[in-house]
Structure formats: C-alpha cells, structure tokens
C-alpha cells in the first residue's frame, strides 16, 4: 500500500501537511521529491521566455531590481 502527500521540512523533521493513515512506530519508506512552486509550474502559460525565477519572484511579491537584470 502507498500514500502520497506533501510535507514541509522544519527543524530537521518532515511534517505532513495532512493527517496520514499510519500507526504509531510503523516503519515506512520515504521517497523525497521536490515540489516546484506554483509560479514555476505555470510560468510558461503567460508566454514568458525569460528566467522562471523572475516570474516566481514577481508572483510571490518579492522585491526585484530590474535595473540590474536587463543590462
């Protein structure tokens, strides 16, 4: 049996974002797969051909200095 769920790594521990159907002290096999941000997954939909990091920073509201990037 397998279950797939997302987790956050905090303070050296993987913390599931949803309740998981496990019994206390049950042994499991963990496969870690990075989940890209929603901006990175969808940036091609806007026709952007530049760096996906730029779209991600704009989508997440992070400061971006255009003077340094478009020389």
PDB file of N, CA and C in Angstrom:
ATOM      1  N   UNK A   1       0.842  -1.172   0.000  1.00  0.00           N
ATOM      2  CA  UNK A   1       0.000   0.000   0.000  1.00  0.00           C
ATOM      3  C   UNK A   1       0.888   1.238   0.000  1.00  0.00           C
ATOM      4  N   UNK A   2       0.464   2.274  -0.716  1.00  0.00           N
ATOM      5  CA  UNK A   2       1.233   3.511  -0.711  1.00  0.00           C
ATOM      6  C   UNK A   2       0.300   4.701  -0.570  1.00  0.00           C
ATOM      7  N   UNK A   3       0.810   5.737   0.013  1.00  0.00           N
ATOM      8  CA  UNK A   3       0.095   7.002   0.181  1.00  0.00           C
ATOM      9  C   UNK A   3       1.013   8.113  -0.278  1.00  0.00           C
ATOM     10  N   UNK A   4       0.457   9.084  -0.955  1.00  0.00           N
ATOM     11  CA  UNK A   4       1.248  10.229  -1.403  1.00  0.00           C
ATOM     12  C   UNK A   4       0.698  11.476  -0.739  1.00  0.00           C
ATOM     13  N   UNK A   5       1.586  12.280  -0.154  1.00  0.00           N
ATOM     14  CA  UNK A   5       1.162  13.512   0.500  1.00  0.00           C
ATOM     15  C   UNK A   5       2.337  14.475   0.515  1.00  0.00           C
ATOM     16  N   UNK A   6       2.040  15.752   0.690  1.00  0.00           N
ATOM     17  CA  UNK A   6       3.081  16.761   0.773  1.00  0.00           C
ATOM     18  C   UNK A   6       3.454  16.989   2.229  1.00  0.00           C
ATOM     19  N   UNK A   7       4.699  17.360   2.433  1.00  0.00           N
ATOM     20  CA  UNK A   7       5.199  17.637   3.773  1.00  0.00           C
ATOM     21  C   UNK A   7       6.134  18.835   3.704  1.00  0.00           C
ATOM     22  N   UNK A   8       6.389  19.414   4.855  1.00  0.00           N
ATOM     23  CA  UNK A   8       7.327  20.540   4.980  1.00  0.00           C
ATOM     24  C   UNK A   8       8.461  20.079   5.877  1.00  0.00           C
ATOM     25  N   UNK A   9       9.675  20.443   5.504  1.00  0.00           N
ATOM     26  CA  UNK A   9      10.842  20.113   6.316  1.00  0.00           C
ATOM     27  C   UNK A   9      11.124  21.285   7.241  1.00  0.00           C
ATOM     28  N   UNK A  10      10.954  21.078   8.542  1.00  0.00           N
ATOM     29  CA  UNK A  10      11.191  22.127   9.536  1.00  0.00           C
ATOM     30  C   UNK A  10      11.928  21.548  10.728  1.00  0.00           C
ATOM     31  N   UNK A  11      12.932  22.243  11.173  1.00  0.00           N
ATOM     32  CA  UNK A  11      13.674  21.851  12.381  1.00  0.00           C
ATOM     33  C   UNK A  11      14.161  20.402  12.319  1.00  0.00           C
ATOM     34  N   UNK A  12      14.598  19.969  11.140  1.00  0.00           N
ATOM     35  CA  UNK A  12      15.143  18.627  10.991  1.00  0.00           C
ATOM     36  C   UNK A  12      14.112  17.520  10.912  1.00  0.00           C
ATOM     37  N   UNK A  13      12.824  17.890  10.740  1.00  0.00           N
ATOM     38  CA  UNK A  13      11.760  16.888  10.726  1.00  0.00           C
ATOM     39  C   UNK A  13      10.841  17.133   9.536  1.00  0.00           C
ATOM     40  N   UNK A  14      10.440  16.060   8.844  1.00  0.00           N
ATOM     41  CA  UNK A  14       9.421  16.174   7.804  1.00  0.00           C
ATOM     42  C   UNK A  14       8.057  16.191   8.477  1.00  0.00           C
ATOM     43  N   UNK A  15       7.277  17.243   8.201  1.00  0.00           N
ATOM     44  CA  UNK A  15       5.960  17.380   8.821  1.00  0.00           C
ATOM     45  C   UNK A  15       4.887  17.322   7.736  1.00  0.00           C
ATOM     46  N   UNK A  16       4.051  16.270   7.751  1.00  0.00           N
ATOM     47  CA  UNK A  16       2.983  16.150   6.750  1.00  0.00           C
ATOM     48  C   UNK A  16       2.022  17.335   6.827  1.00  0.00           C
ATOM     49  N   UNK A  17       1.507  17.754   5.673  1.00  0.00           N
ATOM     50  CA  UNK A  17       0.547  18.852   5.631  1.00  0.00           C
ATOM     51  C   UNK A  17      -0.880  18.363   5.860  1.00  0.00           C
ATOM     52  N   UNK A  18      -1.075  17.060   5.849  1.00  0.00           N
ATOM     53  CA  UNK A  18      -2.390  16.443   6.080  1.00  0.00           C
ATOM     54  C   UNK A  18      -2.205  15.270   7.037  1.00  0.00           C
ATOM     55  N   UNK A  19      -3.268  14.846   7.696  1.00  0.00           N
ATOM     56  CA  UNK A  19      -3.150  13.643   8.539  1.00  0.00           C
ATOM     57  C   UNK A  19      -2.793  12.426   7.684  1.00  0.00           C
ATOM     58  N   UNK A  20      -1.924  11.582   8.191  1.00  0.00           N
ATOM     59  CA  UNK A  20      -1.528  10.389   7.436  1.00  0.00           C
ATOM     60  C   UNK A  20      -2.018   9.129   8.154  1.00  0.00           C
ATOM     61  N   UNK A  21      -2.459   8.134   7.383  1.00  0.00           N
ATOM     62  CA  UNK A  21      -3.010   6.915   7.975  1.00  0.00           C
ATOM     63  C   UNK A  21      -1.914   5.939   8.402  1.00  0.00           C
ATOM     64  N   UNK A  22      -1.187   6.285   9.443  1.00  0.00           N
ATOM     65  CA  UNK A  22      -0.108   5.434   9.931  1.00  0.00           C
ATOM     66  C   UNK A  22      -0.340   5.101  11.398  1.00  0.00           C
ATOM     67  N   UNK A  23       0.164   3.955  11.779  1.00  0.00           N
ATOM     68  CA  UNK A  23       0.103   3.525  13.174  1.00  0.00           C
ATOM     69  C   UNK A  23       1.398   3.975  13.851  1.00  0.00           C
ATOM     70  N   UNK A  24       1.314   4.347  15.112  1.00  0.00           N
ATOM     71  CA  UNK A  24       2.492   4.775  15.864  1.00  0.00           C
ATOM     72  C   UNK A  24       3.612   3.739  15.741  1.00  0.00           C
ATOM     73  N   UNK A  25       4.816   4.190  15.447  1.00  0.00           N
ATOM     74  CA  UNK A  25       6.032   3.378  15.289  1.00  0.00           C
ATOM     75  C   UNK A  25       6.017   2.492  14.044  1.00  0.00           C
ATOM     76  N   UNK A  26       5.091   2.712  13.144  1.00  0.00           N
ATOM     77  CA  UNK A  26       5.059   1.956  11.887  1.00  0.00           C
ATOM     78  C   UNK A  26       6.241   2.379  11.027  1.00  0.00           C
ATOM     79  N   UNK A  27       6.927   1.414  10.457  1.00  0.00           N
ATOM     80  CA  UNK A  27       8.057   1.709   9.566  1.00  0.00           C
ATOM     81  C   UNK A  27       7.537   1.976   8.166  1.00  0.00           C
ATOM     82  N   UNK A  28       8.093   2.988   7.529  1.00  0.00           N
ATOM     83  CA  UNK A  28       7.691   3.353   6.177  1.00  0.00           C
ATOM     84  C   UNK A  28       8.935   3.654   5.349  1.00  0.00           C
ATOM     85  N   UNK A  29       8.784   3.631   4.062  1.00  0.00           N
ATOM     86  CA  UNK A  29       9.856   4.014   3.139  1.00  0.00           C
ATOM     87  C   UNK A  29       9.513   5.399   2.608  1.00  0.00           C
ATOM     88  N   UNK A  30      10.453   6.328   2.707  1.00  0.00           N
ATOM     89  CA  UNK A  30      10.217   7.709   2.286  1.00  0.00           C
ATOM     90  C   UNK A  30      11.018   8.004   1.025  1.00  0.00           C
ATOM     91  N   UNK A  31      10.346   8.529   0.027  1.00  0.00           N
ATOM     92  CA  UNK A  31      10.991   8.989  -1.204  1.00  0.00           C
ATOM     93  C   UNK A  31      10.745  10.486  -1.287  1.00  0.00           C
ATOM     94  N   UNK A  32      11.798  11.280  -1.300  1.00  0.00           N
ATOM     95  CA  UNK A  32      11.653  12.730  -1.293  1.00  0.00           C
ATOM     96  C   UNK A  32      11.715  13.250  -2.728  1.00  0.00           C
ATOM     97  N   UNK A  33      10.694  14.010  -3.107  1.00  0.00           N
ATOM     98  CA  UNK A  33      10.616  14.612  -4.429  1.00  0.00           C
ATOM     99  C   UNK A  33      10.284  16.084  -4.245  1.00  0.00           C
ATOM    100  N   UNK A  34      11.119  16.968  -4.761  1.00  0.00           N
ATOM    101  CA  UNK A  34      10.897  18.409  -4.634  1.00  0.00           C
ATOM    102  C   UNK A  34       9.617  18.801  -5.368  1.00  0.00           C
ATOM    103  N   UNK A  35       8.795  19.633  -4.740  1.00  0.00           N
ATOM    104  CA  UNK A  35       7.578  20.159  -5.356  1.00  0.00           C
ATOM    105  C   UNK A  35       7.852  21.600  -5.768  1.00  0.00           C
ATOM    106  N   UNK A  36       7.893  21.881  -7.075  1.00  0.00           N
ATOM    107  CA  UNK A  36       8.159  23.251  -7.509  1.00  0.00           C
ATOM    108  C   UNK A  36       6.999  24.176  -7.132  1.00  0.00           C
ATOM    109  N   UNK A  37       7.298  25.463  -7.007  1.00  0.00           N
ATOM    110  CA  UNK A  37       6.261  26.437  -6.662  1.00  0.00           C
ATOM    111  C   UNK A  37       5.229  26.526  -7.778  1.00  0.00           C
ATOM    112  N   UNK A  38       4.076  27.054  -7.459  1.00  0.00           N
ATOM    113  CA  UNK A  38       3.013  27.208  -8.460  1.00  0.00           C
ATOM    114  C   UNK A  38       3.463  28.153  -9.583  1.00  0.00           C
ATOM    115  N   UNK A  39       4.268  29.150  -9.260  1.00  0.00           N
ATOM    116  CA  UNK A  39       4.777  30.060 -10.288  1.00  0.00           C
ATOM    117  C   UNK A  39       5.684  29.305 -11.261  1.00  0.00           C
ATOM    118  N   UNK A  40       6.558  28.457 -10.744  1.00  0.00           N
ATOM    119  CA  UNK A  40       7.470  27.705 -11.603  1.00  0.00           C
ATOM    120  C   UNK A  40       6.709  26.682 -12.453  1.00  0.00           C
ATOM    121  N   UNK A  41       5.660  26.080 -11.902  1.00  0.00           N
ATOM    122  CA  UNK A  41       4.893  25.086 -12.655  1.00  0.00           C
ATOM    123  C   UNK A  41       4.098  25.715 -13.792  1.00  0.00           C
ATOM    124  N   UNK A  42       3.725  26.993 -13.652  1.00  0.00           N
ATOM    125  CA  UNK A  42       2.805  27.603 -14.610  1.00  0.00           C
ATOM    126  C   UNK A  42       3.363  28.776 -15.397  1.00  0.00           C
ATOM    127  N   UNK A  43       4.640  29.100 -15.241  1.00  0.00           N
ATOM    128  CA  UNK A  43       5.145  30.323 -15.875  1.00  0.00           C
ATOM    129  C   UNK A  43       5.068  30.281 -17.387  1.00  0.00           C
ATOM    130  N   UNK A  44       5.099  29.123 -18.022  1.00  0.00           N
ATOM    131  CA  UNK A  44       5.025  29.022 -19.480  1.00  0.00           C
ATOM    132  C   UNK A  44       3.682  29.435 -20.038  1.00  0.00           C
ATOM    133  N   UNK A  45       2.658  29.458 -19.216  1.00  0.00           N
ATOM    134  CA  UNK A  45       1.312  29.800 -19.668  1.00  0.00           C
ATOM    135  C   UNK A  45       1.188  31.263 -20.057  1.00  0.00           C
ATOM    136  N   UNK A  46       2.082  32.112 -19.556  1.00  0.00           N
ATOM    137  CA  UNK A  46       1.988  33.539 -19.867  1.00  0.00           C
ATOM    138  C   UNK A  46       2.877  33.925 -21.049  1.00  0.00           C
ATOM    139  N   UNK A  47       3.532  32.962 -21.642  1.00  0.00           N
ATOM    140  CA  UNK A  47       4.377  33.241 -22.787  1.00  0.00           C
ATOM    141  C   UNK A  47       5.740  33.811 -22.441  1.00  0.00           C
ATOM    142  N   UNK A  48       6.114  33.763 -21.185  1.00  0.00           N
ATOM    143  CA  UNK A  48       7.408  34.285 -20.739  1.00  0.00           C
ATOM    144  C   UNK A  48       8.506  33.356 -21.224  1.00  0.00           C
ATOM    145  N   UNK A  49       9.511  33.903 -21.863  1.00  0.00           N
ATOM    146  CA  UNK A  49      10.623  33.099 -22.350  1.00  0.00           C
ATOM    147  C   UNK A  49      11.902  33.357 -21.573  1.00  0.00           C
ATOM    148  N   UNK A  50      11.822  34.193 -20.549  1.00  0.00           N
ATOM    149  CA  UNK A  50      12.979  34.525 -19.744  1.00  0.00           C
ATOM    150  C   UNK A  50      13.155  33.567 -18.579  1.00  0.00           C
ATOM    151  N   UNK A  51      13.882  34.025 -17.611  1.00  0.00           N
ATOM    152  CA  UNK A  51      14.211  33.239 -16.426  1.00  0.00           C
ATOM    153  C   UNK A  51      12.963  32.986 -15.575  1.00  0.00           C
ATOM    154  N   UNK A  52      12.618  31.725 -15.282  1.00  0.00           N
ATOM    155  CA  UNK A  52      11.438  31.450 -14.457  1.00  0.00           C
ATOM    156  C   UNK A  52      11.562  32.000 -13.040  1.00  0.00           C
ATOM    157  N   UNK A  53      12.788  32.265 -12.583  1.00  0.00           N
ATOM    158  CA  UNK A  53      12.963  32.839 -11.244  1.00  0.00           C
ATOM    159  C   UNK A  53      12.372  34.239 -11.162  1.00  0.00           C
ATOM    160  N   UNK A  54      12.411  34.989 -12.275  1.00  0.00           N
ATOM    161  CA  UNK A  54      11.845  36.337 -12.301  1.00  0.00           C
ATOM    162  C   UNK A  54      10.342  36.263 -12.077  1.00  0.00           C
ATOM    163  N   UNK A  55       9.664  35.367 -12.784  1.00  0.00           N
ATOM    164  CA  UNK A  55       8.217  35.214 -12.629  1.00  0.00           C
ATOM    165  C   UNK A  55       7.881  34.755 -11.219  1.00  0.00           C
ATOM    166  N   UNK A  56       8.686  33.845 -10.692  1.00  0.00           N
ATOM    167  CA  UNK A  56       8.438  33.349  -9.344  1.00  0.00           C
ATOM    168  C   UNK A  56       8.544  34.476  -8.321  1.00  0.00           C
ATOM    169  N   UNK A  57       9.574  35.317  -8.453  1.00  0.00           N
ATOM    170  CA  UNK A  57       9.742  36.425  -7.518  1.00  0.00           C
ATOM    171  C   UNK A  57       8.581  37.414  -7.629  1.00  0.00           C
ATOM    172  N   UNK A  58       8.142  37.701  -8.851  1.00  0.00           N
ATOM    173  CA  UNK A  58       7.018  38.619  -9.037  1.00  0.00           C
ATOM    174  C   UNK A  58       5.726  38.022  -8.485  1.00  0.00           C
ATOM    175  N   UNK A  59       5.495  36.743  -8.746  1.00  0.00           N
ATOM    176  CA  UNK A  59       4.278  36.089  -8.273  1.00  0.00           C
ATOM    177  C   UNK A  59       4.224  36.011  -6.758  1.00  0.00           C
ATOM    178  N   UNK A  60       5.378  35.866  -6.137  1.00  0.00           N
ATOM    179  CA  UNK A  60       5.425  35.759  -4.688  1.00  0.00           C
ATOM    180  C   UNK A  60       5.561  37.113  -4.012  1.00  0.00           C
ATOM    181  N   UNK A  61       5.601  38.190  -4.816  1.00  0.00           N
ATOM    182  CA  UNK A  61       5.654  39.528  -4.259  1.00  0.00           C
ATOM    183  C   UNK A  61       7.012  39.898  -3.701  1.00  0.00           C
ATOM    184  N   UNK A  62       8.052  39.228  -4.134  1.00  0.00           N
ATOM    185  CA  UNK A  62       9.385  39.540  -3.657  1.00  0.00           C
ATOM    186  C   UNK A  62       9.962  40.694  -4.457  1.00  0.00           C
ATOM    187  N   UNK A  63      10.780  41.500  -3.796  1.00  0.00           N
ATOM    188  CA  UNK A  63      11.403  42.657  -4.467  1.00  0.00           C
ATOM    189  C   UNK A  63      12.296  42.172  -5.592  1.00  0.00           C
ATOM    190  N   UNK A  64      12.276  42.887  -6.680  1.00  0.00           N
ATOM    191  CA  UNK A  64      13.103  42.541  -7.822  1.00  0.00           C
ATOM    192  C   UNK A  64      13.639  43.818  -8.444  1.00  0.00           C
ATOM    193  N   UNK A  65      14.952  43.927  -8.548  1.00  0.00           N
ATOM    194  CA  UNK A  65      15.593  45.108  -9.073  1.00  0.00           C
ATOM    195  C   UNK A  65      15.831  44.921 -10.571  1.00  0.00           C
ATOM    196  N   UNK A  66      14.975  45.544 -11.404  1.00  0.00           N
ATOM    197  CA  UNK A  66      15.078  45.372 -12.848  1.00  0.00           C
ATOM    198  C   UNK A  66      16.309  46.053 -13.425  1.00  0.00           C
ATOM    199  N   UNK A  67      16.835  47.067 -12.774  1.00  0.00           N
ATOM    200  CA  UNK A  67      17.998  47.785 -13.295  1.00  0.00           C
ATOM    201  C   UNK A  67      19.207  46.869 -13.396  1.00  0.00           C
ATOM    202  N   UNK A  68      19.324  45.911 -12.491  1.00  0.00           N
ATOM    203  CA  UNK A  68      20.459  45.000 -12.512  1.00  0.00           C
ATOM    204  C   UNK A  68      20.271  43.820 -13.471  1.00  0.00           C
ATOM    205  N   UNK A  69      19.039  43.575 -13.900  1.00  0.00           N
ATOM    206  CA  UNK A  69      18.769  42.349 -14.623  1.00  0.00           C
ATOM    207  C   UNK A  69      18.690  42.508 -16.123  1.00  0.00           C
ATOM    208  N   UNK A  70      18.392  43.683 -16.603  1.00  0.00           N
ATOM    209  CA  UNK A  70      18.174  43.844 -18.031  1.00  0.00           C
ATOM    210  C   UNK A  70      19.192  44.771 -18.653  1.00  0.00           C
ATOM    211  N   UNK A  71      20.466  44.524 -18.413  1.00  0.00           N
ATOM    212  CA  UNK A  71      21.536  45.358 -18.981  1.00  0.00           C
ATOM    213  C   UNK A  71      21.748  45.020 -20.442  1.00  0.00           C
TER     214      UNK A  71
END
